[in-house]
């Protein structure tokens, strides 16, 4: 069965490998120093001390670099874990949105179908109402047409009566705002005709209610 290491376990394994590598380097360096002492005579104690100090400084610098790399790797792993978590959350939200969208589309289809049924019923009702309104309008138009015909007949009779009165002459009672000129134009005669028929001394002076003979 495969075992996945968590970030802490991976860091511990790297540090173990680093310690082993550094120990091997240290042993190799000491071996070289000791071999040099054996072949070249007795080494000066100061040179050995200096060599050891230089090795330790290099080892410390290398350890610092390795530690920085471990911290960088750890940060990258944590960032990757956060991104995976974020991607998982986004995927979950997209799945929920897709489900909501599907439900919304289904609800919209059901609503459209119901609306179509309601509209069809309303259209049928409107058609029936229009049929009834059409019959009612026709009936009202016939009544109005009869009334208009009767009124036109009455107006024609009045006009004919006025024409007859004008043709045969008659009398006119002066109304407010009327003049001899307007009265003469109304009956198709001249001002002089009315003045002569009524013995008017001043054509510019007539009284409201005065009765004039129209020749």
C-alpha atoms as a PDB file:
ATOM      1  CA  UNK A   1       0.000   0.000   0.000  1.00  0.00           C
ATOM      2  CA  UNK A   2       1.436   3.400  -1.017  1.00  0.00           C
ATOM      3  CA  UNK A   3       2.145   5.854   1.804  1.00  0.00           C
ATOM      4  CA  UNK A   4       1.987   9.614   1.088  1.00  0.00           C
ATOM      5  CA  UNK A   5       4.275  11.724   3.228  1.00  0.00           C
ATOM      6  CA  UNK A   6       2.918  14.863   4.774  1.00  0.00           C
ATOM      7  CA  UNK A   7       5.045  18.055   4.492  1.00  0.00           C
ATOM      8  CA  UNK A   8       6.460  17.554   8.042  1.00  0.00           C
ATOM      9  CA  UNK A   9       7.614  14.048   7.247  1.00  0.00           C
ATOM     10  CA  UNK A  10       9.259  15.200   4.008  1.00  0.00           C
ATOM     11  CA  UNK A  11      11.123  17.959   5.840  1.00  0.00           C
ATOM     12  CA  UNK A  12      12.381  15.471   8.480  1.00  0.00           C
ATOM     13  CA  UNK A  13      13.588  13.091   5.758  1.00  0.00           C
ATOM     14  CA  UNK A  14      15.465  15.896   3.974  1.00  0.00           C
ATOM     15  CA  UNK A  15      17.152  16.970   7.185  1.00  0.00           C
ATOM     16  CA  UNK A  16      18.210  13.395   7.877  1.00  0.00           C
ATOM     17  CA  UNK A  17      19.722  13.076   4.420  1.00  0.00           C
ATOM     18  CA  UNK A  18      21.415  16.460   4.882  1.00  0.00           C
ATOM     19  CA  UNK A  19      22.962  15.387   8.214  1.00  0.00           C
ATOM     20  CA  UNK A  20      24.220  12.157   6.693  1.00  0.00           C
ATOM     21  CA  UNK A  21      25.708  14.007   3.717  1.00  0.00           C
ATOM     22  CA  UNK A  22      27.397  16.585   5.911  1.00  0.00           C
ATOM     23  CA  UNK A  23      28.803  13.808   8.145  1.00  0.00           C
ATOM     24  CA  UNK A  24      30.209  12.055   5.111  1.00  0.00           C
ATOM     25  CA  UNK A  25      31.764  15.281   3.902  1.00  0.00           C
ATOM     26  CA  UNK A  26      33.296  15.852   7.336  1.00  0.00           C
ATOM     27  CA  UNK A  27      34.736  12.325   7.427  1.00  0.00           C
ATOM     28  CA  UNK A  28      36.078  12.735   3.905  1.00  0.00           C
ATOM     29  CA  UNK A  29      37.764  16.025   4.849  1.00  0.00           C
ATOM     30  CA  UNK A  30      39.318  14.550   7.969  1.00  0.00           C
ATOM     31  CA  UNK A  31      40.537  11.550   5.998  1.00  0.00           C
ATOM     32  CA  UNK A  32      42.242  13.847   3.526  1.00  0.00           C
ATOM     33  CA  UNK A  33      43.901  15.792   6.337  1.00  0.00           C
ATOM     34  CA  UNK A  34      45.083  12.619   8.060  1.00  0.00           C
ATOM     35  CA  UNK A  35      46.354  11.117   4.823  1.00  0.00           C
ATOM     36  CA  UNK A  36      48.247  14.330   4.145  1.00  0.00           C
ATOM     37  CA  UNK A  37      49.864  14.121   7.568  1.00  0.00           C
ATOM     38  CA  UNK A  38      50.941  10.567   6.928  1.00  0.00           C
ATOM     39  CA  UNK A  39      52.561  11.174   3.500  1.00  0.00           C
ATOM     40  CA  UNK A  40      53.985  14.656   3.988  1.00  0.00           C
ATOM     41  CA  UNK A  41      55.233  14.423   7.519  1.00  0.00           C
ATOM     42  CA  UNK A  42      53.821  15.874  10.686  1.00  0.00           C
ATOM     43  CA  UNK A  43      51.360  18.705   9.834  1.00  0.00           C
ATOM     44  CA  UNK A  44      51.487  21.865  11.805  1.00  0.00           C
ATOM     45  CA  UNK A  45      48.738  21.908  14.400  1.00  0.00           C
ATOM     46  CA  UNK A  46      47.741  25.446  13.414  1.00  0.00           C
ATOM     47  CA  UNK A  47      47.169  24.438   9.773  1.00  0.00           C
ATOM     48  CA  UNK A  48      44.935  21.582  10.861  1.00  0.00           C
ATOM     49  CA  UNK A  49      42.968  23.910  13.121  1.00  0.00           C
ATOM     50  CA  UNK A  50      42.589  26.442  10.295  1.00  0.00           C
ATOM     51  CA  UNK A  51      41.482  23.744   7.899  1.00  0.00           C
ATOM     52  CA  UNK A  52      38.944  22.488  10.405  1.00  0.00           C
ATOM     53  CA  UNK A  53      37.593  25.991  11.012  1.00  0.00           C
ATOM     54  CA  UNK A  54      37.280  26.614   7.272  1.00  0.00           C
ATOM     55  CA  UNK A  55      35.445  23.334   6.845  1.00  0.00           C
ATOM     56  CA  UNK A  56      33.078  24.182   9.676  1.00  0.00           C
ATOM     57  CA  UNK A  57      32.334  27.610   8.145  1.00  0.00           C
ATOM     58  CA  UNK A  58      31.586  26.019   4.802  1.00  0.00           C
ATOM     59  CA  UNK A  59      29.460  23.438   6.521  1.00  0.00           C
ATOM     60  CA  UNK A  60      27.533  26.181   8.367  1.00  0.00           C
ATOM     61  CA  UNK A  61      27.056  28.161   5.129  1.00  0.00           C
ATOM     62  CA  UNK A  62      25.855  25.038   3.343  1.00  0.00           C
ATOM     63  CA  UNK A  63      23.501  24.237   6.212  1.00  0.00           C
ATOM     64  CA  UNK A  64      22.084  27.779   6.016  1.00  0.00           C
ATOM     65  CA  UNK A  65      21.479  27.428   2.275  1.00  0.00           C
ATOM     66  CA  UNK A  66      19.846  24.056   2.727  1.00  0.00           C
ATOM     67  CA  UNK A  67      17.627  25.488   5.481  1.00  0.00           C
ATOM     68  CA  UNK A  68      16.617  28.376   3.201  1.00  0.00           C
ATOM     69  CA  UNK A  69      15.797  25.916   0.451  1.00  0.00           C
ATOM     70  CA  UNK A  70      13.744  23.828   2.871  1.00  0.00           C
ATOM     71  CA  UNK A  71      11.813  26.920   3.961  1.00  0.00           C
ATOM     72  CA  UNK A  72      11.243  27.849   0.336  1.00  0.00           C
ATOM     73  CA  UNK A  73      10.051  24.323  -0.494  1.00  0.00           C
ATOM     74  CA  UNK A  74       7.798  24.338   2.554  1.00  0.00           C
ATOM     75  CA  UNK A  75       6.279  27.675   1.510  1.00  0.00           C
ATOM     76  CA  UNK A  76       5.711  26.354  -2.022  1.00  0.00           C
ATOM     77  CA  UNK A  77       4.076  23.193  -0.691  1.00  0.00           C
ATOM     78  CA  UNK A  78       1.805  25.228   1.577  1.00  0.00           C
ATOM     79  CA  UNK A  79       0.922  27.527  -1.304  1.00  0.00           C
ATOM     80  CA  UNK A  80       0.154  24.530  -3.511  1.00  0.00           C
ATOM     81  CA  UNK A  81      -2.024  23.037  -0.775  1.00  0.00           C
ATOM     82  CA  UNK A  82      -3.895  26.340  -0.433  1.00  0.00           C
ATOM     83  CA  UNK A  83      -4.376  26.513  -4.196  1.00  0.00           C
ATOM     84  CA  UNK A  84      -5.666  22.932  -4.293  1.00  0.00           C
ATOM     85  CA  UNK A  85      -8.096  23.771  -1.512  1.00  0.00           C
ATOM     86  CA  UNK A  86      -9.186  26.909  -3.361  1.00  0.00           C
ATOM     87  CA  UNK A  87      -9.624  24.988  -6.605  1.00  0.00           C
ATOM     88  CA  UNK A  88     -11.694  22.393  -4.768  1.00  0.00           C
ATOM     89  CA  UNK A  89     -13.876  25.120  -3.306  1.00  0.00           C
ATOM     90  CA  UNK A  90     -14.300  26.749  -6.732  1.00  0.00           C
ATOM     91  CA  UNK A  91     -15.196  23.375  -8.252  1.00  0.00           C
ATOM     92  CA  UNK A  92     -17.803  22.838  -5.531  1.00  0.00           C
ATOM     93  CA  UNK A  93     -19.298  26.294  -6.097  1.00  0.00           C
ATOM     94  CA  UNK A  94     -19.390  25.698  -9.865  1.00  0.00           C
ATOM     95  CA  UNK A  95     -21.224  22.426  -9.294  1.00  0.00           C
ATOM     96  CA  UNK A  96     -23.762  24.204  -7.092  1.00  0.00           C
ATOM     97  CA  UNK A  97     -24.195  26.964  -9.681  1.00  0.00           C
ATOM     98  CA  UNK A  98     -24.678  24.403 -12.422  1.00  0.00           C
ATOM     99  CA  UNK A  99     -27.327  22.629 -10.340  1.00  0.00           C
ATOM    100  CA  UNK A 100     -29.056  25.953  -9.566  1.00  0.00           C
ATOM    101  CA  UNK A 101     -28.952  26.896 -13.256  1.00  0.00           C
ATOM    102  CA  UNK A 102     -30.486  23.573 -14.266  1.00  0.00           C
ATOM    103  CA  UNK A 103     -33.243  23.991 -11.704  1.00  0.00           C
ATOM    104  CA  UNK A 104     -33.822  27.571 -12.889  1.00  0.00           C
ATOM    105  CA  UNK A 105     -34.103  26.462 -16.533  1.00  0.00           C
ATOM    106  CA  UNK A 106     -36.585  23.750 -15.577  1.00  0.00           C
ATOM    107  CA  UNK A 107     -38.635  26.208 -13.545  1.00  0.00           C
ATOM    108  CA  UNK A 108     -38.574  28.675 -16.452  1.00  0.00           C
ATOM    109  CA  UNK A 109     -39.830  26.020 -18.849  1.00  0.00           C
ATOM    110  CA  UNK A 110     -42.643  25.098 -16.479  1.00  0.00           C
ATOM    111  CA  UNK A 111     -43.527  28.787 -16.088  1.00  0.00           C
ATOM    112  CA  UNK A 112     -43.559  29.334 -19.852  1.00  0.00           C
ATOM    113  CA  UNK A 113     -45.808  26.329 -20.350  1.00  0.00           C
ATOM    114  CA  UNK A 114     -48.207  27.540 -17.666  1.00  0.00           C
ATOM    115  CA  UNK A 115     -48.135  31.062 -19.114  1.00  0.00           C
ATOM    116  CA  UNK A 116     -48.942  29.693 -22.556  1.00  0.00           C
ATOM    117  CA  UNK A 117     -51.950  27.863 -21.161  1.00  0.00           C
ATOM    118  CA  UNK A 118     -53.153  31.003 -19.353  1.00  0.00           C
ATOM    119  CA  UNK A 119     -52.675  33.192 -22.442  1.00  0.00           C
ATOM    120  CA  UNK A 120     -54.574  30.757 -24.600  1.00  0.00           C
ATOM    121  CA  UNK A 121     -57.471  30.835 -22.143  1.00  0.00           C
ATOM    122  CA  UNK A 122     -57.413  34.627 -22.039  1.00  0.00           C
ATOM    123  CA  UNK A 123     -57.377  34.871 -25.831  1.00  0.00           C
ATOM    124  CA  UNK A 124     -60.416  32.650 -26.026  1.00  0.00           C
ATOM    125  CA  UNK A 125     -62.142  34.785 -23.408  1.00  0.00           C
ATOM    126  CA  UNK A 126     -61.248  37.954 -25.320  1.00  0.00           C
ATOM    127  CA  UNK A 127     -62.618  36.486 -28.544  1.00  0.00           C
ATOM    128  CA  UNK A 128     -65.900  35.682 -26.816  1.00  0.00           C
ATOM    129  CA  UNK A 129     -66.025  39.150 -25.261  1.00  0.00           C
ATOM    130  CA  UNK A 130     -65.274  40.747 -28.614  1.00  0.00           C
ATOM    131  CA  UNK A 131     -68.114  38.839 -30.224  1.00  0.00           C
ATOM    132  CA  UNK A 132     -70.518  40.102 -27.563  1.00  0.00           C
ATOM    133  CA  UNK A 133     -69.099  43.643 -27.794  1.00  0.00           C
ATOM    134  CA  UNK A 134     -69.440  43.590 -31.583  1.00  0.00           C
ATOM    135  CA  UNK A 135     -73.142  42.742 -31.357  1.00  0.00           C
ATOM    136  CA  UNK A 136     -73.647  45.423 -28.714  1.00  0.00           C
ATOM    137  CA  UNK A 137     -71.813  48.043 -30.815  1.00  0.00           C
ATOM    138  CA  UNK A 138     -73.871  47.197 -33.890  1.00  0.00           C
ATOM    139  CA  UNK A 139     -77.066  47.591 -31.884  1.00  0.00           C
ATOM    140  CA  UNK A 140     -75.943  50.948 -30.480  1.00  0.00           C
ATOM    141  CA  UNK A 141     -74.886  52.165 -33.922  1.00  0.00           C
ATOM    142  CA  UNK A 142     -78.333  51.343 -35.297  1.00  0.00           C
ATOM    143  CA  UNK A 143     -79.976  53.332 -32.484  1.00  0.00           C
ATOM    144  CA  UNK A 144     -77.618  56.283 -33.057  1.00  0.00           C
ATOM    145  CA  UNK A 145     -78.252  56.125 -36.803  1.00  0.00           C
ATOM    146  CA  UNK A 146     -82.001  56.303 -36.226  1.00  0.00           C
ATOM    147  CA  UNK A 147     -81.559  59.301 -33.907  1.00  0.00           C
ATOM    148  CA  UNK A 148     -79.290  61.075 -36.413  1.00  0.00           C
ATOM    149  CA  UNK A 149     -81.774  60.429 -39.223  1.00  0.00           C
ATOM    150  CA  UNK A 150     -84.629  61.861 -37.136  1.00  0.00           C
ATOM    151  CA  UNK A 151     -82.560  64.929 -36.171  1.00  0.00           C
ATOM    152  CA  UNK A 152     -81.509  65.529 -39.763  1.00  0.00           C
ATOM    153  CA  UNK A 153     -85.146  65.393 -40.855  1.00  0.00           C
ATOM    154  CA  UNK A 154     -86.086  67.952 -38.177  1.00  0.00           C
ATOM    155  CA  UNK A 155     -83.207  70.263 -39.168  1.00  0.00           C
ATOM    156  CA  UNK A 156     -84.193  70.075 -42.825  1.00  0.00           C
ATOM    157  CA  UNK A 157     -87.747  71.045 -41.934  1.00  0.00           C
ATOM    158  CA  UNK A 158     -86.521  74.022 -39.886  1.00  0.00           C
ATOM    159  CA  UNK A 159     -84.220  75.148 -42.695  1.00  0.00           C
ATOM    160  CA  UNK A 160     -87.022  74.900 -45.215  1.00  0.00           C
ATOM    161  CA  UNK A 161     -89.235  76.938 -42.905  1.00  0.00           C
ATOM    162  CA  UNK A 162     -86.564  79.640 -42.585  1.00  0.00           C
ATOM    163  CA  UNK A 163     -86.090  79.747 -46.326  1.00  0.00           C
ATOM    164  CA  UNK A 164     -89.818  80.150 -46.797  1.00  0.00           C
ATOM    165  CA  UNK A 165     -89.946  82.948 -44.221  1.00  0.00           C
ATOM    166  CA  UNK A 166     -87.028  84.755 -45.834  1.00  0.00           C
ATOM    167  CA  UNK A 167     -88.525  84.412 -49.300  1.00  0.00           C
ATOM    168  CA  UNK A 168     -91.919  85.766 -48.252  1.00  0.00           C
ATOM    169  CA  UNK A 169     -90.649  88.384 -45.815  1.00  0.00           C
ATOM    170  CA  UNK A 170     -91.341  88.545 -42.108  1.00  0.00           C
ATOM    171  CA  UNK A 171     -90.322  90.202 -38.863  1.00  0.00           C
ATOM    172  CA  UNK A 172     -87.114  90.138 -36.836  1.00  0.00           C
ATOM    173  CA  UNK A 173     -86.597  90.970 -33.160  1.00  0.00           C
ATOM    174  CA  UNK A 174     -83.240  92.710 -32.619  1.00  0.00           C
ATOM    175  CA  UNK A 175     -80.878  90.765 -30.343  1.00  0.00           C
ATOM    176  CA  UNK A 176     -77.938  92.076 -28.338  1.00  0.00           C
ATOM    177  CA  UNK A 177     -74.919  92.763 -30.539  1.00  0.00           C
ATOM    178  CA  UNK A 178     -76.851  92.795 -33.824  1.00  0.00           C
ATOM    179  CA  UNK A 179     -76.680  95.617 -36.370  1.00  0.00           C
ATOM    180  CA  UNK A 180     -78.772  96.456 -39.412  1.00  0.00           C
ATOM    181  CA  UNK A 181     -75.919  95.193 -41.583  1.00  0.00           C
ATOM    182  CA  UNK A 182     -75.794  91.770 -39.864  1.00  0.00           C
ATOM    183  CA  UNK A 183     -79.592  91.460 -39.937  1.00  0.00           C
ATOM    184  CA  UNK A 184     -79.712  92.399 -43.633  1.00  0.00           C
ATOM    185  CA  UNK A 185     -76.998  89.801 -44.428  1.00  0.00           C
ATOM    186  CA  UNK A 186     -78.950  87.175 -42.458  1.00  0.00           C
ATOM    187  CA  UNK A 187     -82.079  87.662 -44.600  1.00  0.00           C
ATOM    188  CA  UNK A 188     -80.371  88.419 -47.872  1.00  0.00           C
ATOM    189  CA  UNK A 189     -81.622  92.019 -48.172  1.00  0.00           C
ATOM    190  CA  UNK A 190     -79.920  95.415 -48.024  1.00  0.00           C
ATOM    191  CA  UNK A 191     -79.702  97.833 -45.091  1.00  0.00           C
ATOM    192  CA  UNK A 192     -81.589 100.394 -47.165  1.00  0.00           C
ATOM    193  CA  UNK A 193     -84.466  97.926 -47.657  1.00  0.00           C
ATOM    194  CA  UNK A 194     -84.839  97.456 -43.895  1.00  0.00           C
ATOM    195  CA  UNK A 195     -84.477 101.211 -43.217  1.00  0.00           C
ATOM    196  CA  UNK A 196     -87.135 102.027 -45.811  1.00  0.00           C
ATOM    197  CA  UNK A 197     -89.565  99.324 -44.623  1.00  0.00           C
ATOM    198  CA  UNK A 198     -89.322 100.426 -40.996  1.00  0.00           C
ATOM    199  CA  UNK A 199     -88.926 104.226 -41.399  1.00  0.00           C
ATOM    200  CA  UNK A 200     -85.631 104.280 -39.438  1.00  0.00           C
ATOM    201  CA  UNK A 201     -84.168 107.802 -39.247  1.00  0.00           C
ATOM    202  CA  UNK A 202     -80.641 106.782 -38.101  1.00  0.00           C
ATOM    203  CA  UNK A 203     -79.464 103.388 -39.385  1.00  0.00           C
ATOM    204  CA  UNK A 204     -76.775 103.297 -36.669  1.00  0.00           C
ATOM    205  CA  UNK A 205     -79.283 103.336 -33.815  1.00  0.00           C
ATOM    206  CA  UNK A 206     -81.484 100.311 -33.142  1.00  0.00           C
ATOM    207  CA  UNK A 207     -82.660  98.892 -29.809  1.00  0.00           C
ATOM    208  CA  UNK A 208     -82.535  95.409 -28.362  1.00  0.00           C
ATOM    209  CA  UNK A 209     -85.999  93.884 -28.602  1.00  0.00           C
ATOM    210  CA  UNK A 210     -87.003  96.204 -31.429  1.00  0.00           C
ATOM    211  CA  UNK A 211     -89.155  94.439 -33.979  1.00  0.00           C
ATOM    212  CA  UNK A 212     -88.197  95.065 -37.607  1.00  0.00           C
ATOM    213  CA  UNK A 213     -90.171  94.285 -40.734  1.00  0.00           C
ATOM    214  CA  UNK A 214     -88.074  92.343 -43.218  1.00  0.00           C
ATOM    215  CA  UNK A 215     -89.241  93.242 -46.758  1.00  0.00           C
END
